Protein backbone atom coordinates (compact mmCIF):
# COMPACT_ATOMS: atom_id res chain seq x y z
CA MET A 1 18.17 -15.16 -27.61
CA THR A 2 21.40 -14.34 -25.89
CA THR A 3 21.32 -14.49 -22.02
CA HIS A 4 23.75 -12.75 -19.67
CA ALA A 5 25.51 -14.66 -17.02
CA HIS A 6 24.52 -12.30 -14.16
CA ALA A 7 21.30 -10.92 -15.57
CA PRO A 8 18.37 -11.54 -13.13
CA ARG A 9 15.92 -14.27 -14.14
CA THR A 10 13.12 -12.67 -12.06
CA VAL A 11 12.44 -8.97 -12.22
CA ARG A 12 10.20 -7.13 -9.59
CA CYS A 13 7.54 -5.23 -11.43
CA ALA A 14 4.67 -2.83 -10.87
CA VAL A 15 1.67 -2.14 -13.10
CA VAL A 16 -0.13 1.26 -13.07
CA VAL A 17 -3.33 1.55 -15.08
CA VAL A 18 -4.34 5.04 -15.99
CA SER A 19 -8.13 5.20 -16.74
CA ASP A 20 -10.89 7.56 -15.47
CA ARG A 21 -13.66 5.09 -16.12
CA CYS A 22 -11.76 2.26 -14.30
CA ALA A 23 -10.87 4.42 -11.32
CA ARG A 24 -14.55 5.49 -10.95
CA GLY A 25 -15.75 1.88 -11.15
CA GLU A 26 -17.56 2.53 -14.41
CA ALA A 27 -15.55 -0.08 -16.39
CA VAL A 28 -13.49 -3.11 -15.46
CA ASP A 29 -9.67 -2.97 -15.96
CA ARG A 30 -8.72 -5.43 -18.49
CA SER A 31 -5.22 -4.17 -19.32
CA GLY A 32 -3.65 -4.66 -15.97
CA PRO A 33 -4.50 -8.26 -15.70
CA VAL A 34 -2.87 -8.86 -19.15
CA ALA A 35 0.26 -7.24 -18.08
CA ARG A 36 0.38 -9.16 -14.89
CA GLU A 37 -0.37 -12.56 -16.62
CA LEU A 38 2.31 -11.99 -19.32
CA LEU A 39 4.98 -10.84 -16.77
CA GLU A 40 4.14 -13.58 -14.34
CA SER A 41 4.16 -16.30 -17.08
CA ALA A 42 7.66 -15.11 -17.91
CA GLY A 43 8.85 -15.57 -14.26
CA HIS A 44 8.75 -12.02 -13.09
CA ARG A 45 7.00 -10.83 -9.91
CA VAL A 46 4.19 -8.35 -10.02
CA GLY A 47 2.70 -6.51 -6.97
CA ASP A 48 -0.84 -5.10 -6.89
CA VAL A 49 -2.10 -3.54 -10.13
CA VAL A 50 -2.76 0.05 -9.27
CA VAL A 51 -5.66 1.98 -11.02
CA VAL A 52 -5.60 5.78 -11.10
CA PRO A 53 -7.60 8.42 -13.04
CA ASP A 54 -6.14 10.03 -16.04
CA GLY A 55 -4.12 13.26 -15.25
CA GLU A 56 -0.47 14.20 -14.78
CA ALA A 57 -0.85 14.43 -10.96
CA SER A 58 -2.51 11.10 -10.61
CA VAL A 59 0.18 9.31 -12.72
CA ALA A 60 3.04 11.09 -10.80
CA GLY A 61 1.48 10.16 -7.42
CA ALA A 62 1.00 6.45 -8.42
CA LEU A 63 4.61 6.33 -9.88
CA ALA A 64 6.04 7.81 -6.68
CA ARG A 65 4.15 5.17 -4.49
CA VAL A 66 5.22 2.14 -6.60
CA LEU A 67 8.86 3.29 -7.02
CA ALA A 68 9.07 3.55 -3.17
CA ASP A 69 8.31 -0.22 -3.14
CA GLY A 70 11.63 -0.95 -4.58
CA VAL A 71 10.56 -2.40 -7.90
CA GLN A 72 12.92 -2.72 -10.83
CA VAL A 73 10.36 -2.23 -13.71
CA VAL A 74 7.26 -0.19 -13.78
CA LEU A 75 4.73 -0.51 -16.62
CA THR A 76 1.81 2.05 -17.06
CA SER A 77 -1.15 1.38 -19.29
CA GLY A 78 -3.20 4.18 -20.80
CA GLY A 79 -3.17 7.94 -21.03
CA THR A 80 -0.65 7.99 -23.84
CA GLY A 81 -2.81 9.26 -26.67
CA ILE A 82 -3.70 12.77 -27.89
CA SER A 83 -7.00 13.40 -26.04
CA PRO A 84 -7.00 16.37 -23.46
CA ARG A 85 -6.79 13.96 -20.41
CA ASP A 86 -4.00 11.74 -21.81
CA LEU A 87 -1.22 13.05 -19.60
CA THR A 88 0.70 9.83 -18.67
CA PRO A 89 3.90 10.97 -20.36
CA GLU A 90 3.80 14.23 -18.66
CA GLY A 91 3.40 12.48 -15.29
CA THR A 92 6.20 10.11 -16.16
CA ARG A 93 8.86 12.43 -17.55
CA PRO A 94 9.94 14.05 -14.17
CA PHE A 95 10.86 10.48 -12.91
CA LEU A 96 13.16 9.60 -15.90
CA ASP A 97 16.83 10.37 -15.54
CA ARG A 98 17.59 8.96 -19.06
CA GLU A 99 14.98 8.24 -21.77
CA LEU A 100 15.12 5.26 -24.00
CA PRO A 101 13.65 6.44 -27.22
CA GLY A 102 14.45 3.16 -29.16
CA VAL A 103 12.16 1.19 -26.72
CA ALA A 104 9.29 3.68 -27.24
CA GLU A 105 9.68 3.55 -31.05
CA ALA A 106 9.76 -0.14 -30.93
CA LEU A 107 6.57 -0.20 -29.03
CA ARG A 108 4.78 2.21 -31.43
CA ARG A 109 6.16 0.19 -34.53
CA ARG A 110 4.96 -3.03 -33.01
CA GLY A 111 1.53 -1.52 -32.26
CA ALA A 112 1.28 -0.13 -35.69
CA ASP A 113 1.56 -3.53 -37.17
CA ASP A 114 -2.00 -4.14 -35.63
CA VAL A 115 -3.61 -0.64 -35.35
CA ALA A 116 -2.50 2.33 -37.53
CA THR A 117 -3.20 4.81 -34.75
CA ALA A 118 -0.60 3.41 -32.60
CA VAL A 119 1.81 5.86 -34.13
CA LEU A 120 -0.07 8.57 -32.24
CA SER A 121 1.02 7.19 -28.94
CA ARG A 122 3.21 9.68 -27.00
CA GLY A 123 4.40 6.94 -24.43
CA LEU A 124 7.76 7.23 -22.95
CA ALA A 125 10.43 4.68 -21.82
CA GLY A 126 13.30 5.46 -19.65
CA VAL A 127 15.25 4.65 -16.42
CA THR A 128 15.05 6.57 -13.22
CA ALA A 129 18.05 7.91 -11.39
CA ASP A 130 17.79 4.70 -9.24
CA GLY A 131 17.77 2.44 -12.25
CA VAL A 132 14.16 1.59 -12.50
CA LEU A 133 12.80 0.95 -15.97
CA VAL A 134 9.62 2.91 -16.55
CA VAL A 135 7.56 2.22 -19.75
CA ASN A 136 4.18 3.80 -20.81
CA LEU A 137 2.09 1.31 -22.68
CA PRO A 138 -1.15 2.02 -24.53
CA GLY A 139 -4.44 1.52 -22.51
CA SER A 140 -5.99 -1.35 -24.64
CA PRO A 141 -5.38 -5.01 -23.67
CA ASP A 142 -4.08 -5.69 -27.18
CA GLY A 143 -1.67 -2.74 -27.04
CA VAL A 144 -0.50 -3.89 -23.60
CA ARG A 145 -0.06 -7.51 -24.83
CA SER A 146 2.05 -6.50 -27.82
CA GLY A 147 4.01 -3.96 -25.65
CA VAL A 148 4.87 -6.55 -23.10
CA GLU A 149 5.81 -8.85 -25.81
CA VAL A 150 8.37 -6.29 -27.00
CA LEU A 151 9.65 -5.74 -23.49
CA LEU A 152 9.97 -9.25 -22.19
CA PRO A 153 13.32 -10.08 -24.03
CA LEU A 154 14.71 -6.69 -22.66
CA LEU A 155 13.88 -6.66 -19.07
CA ALA A 156 16.61 -8.77 -17.45
CA HIS A 157 19.24 -7.11 -19.60
CA VAL A 158 18.00 -3.60 -18.69
CA VAL A 159 17.98 -4.46 -14.99
CA HIS A 160 21.38 -5.95 -15.17
CA GLN A 161 22.88 -2.92 -17.08
CA VAL A 162 21.35 -0.12 -14.84
CA SER A 163 22.86 -1.92 -11.94
CA GLY A 164 26.31 -1.73 -13.37
CA GLY A 165 26.43 -5.16 -15.27
CA ASP A 166 28.88 -5.60 -17.89
CA HIS A 167 28.17 -6.15 -21.65
CA ARG A 168 29.09 -9.62 -22.88
């Protein structure tokens, strides 16, 4: 893997879990801890894992809060499917200045290696006007694991590029 001389080694991350059942305390969130573990194992810093109910307004509110904390990367988990309450992309899109469709497609392609229905994900990836990478991941722990594995080699480069870094 190519590294870039001025790419940060440690990236400040936030994780937002979108789940009605977890937000109500009816289920234990297992996806957020997977994301945290993988990111931290790779040397990145992760603040609290935020759990919110499904819905566009819940997602938008959580994103506004974590973006205000000065993070460089936000990963969401859940709410990317086709059920009526899966509105994470709708809550995310207003924050994105530039979408990264290749990243979203890579996540779907990697997920489909394990679960055929991964192609139904409507998850988005993009950067905000302030240069924060925001990526919607599936809600399952395995989906989060495979998604973070796709993203880990990209994080430092993306952060470097959006802050004006040069290509090598």
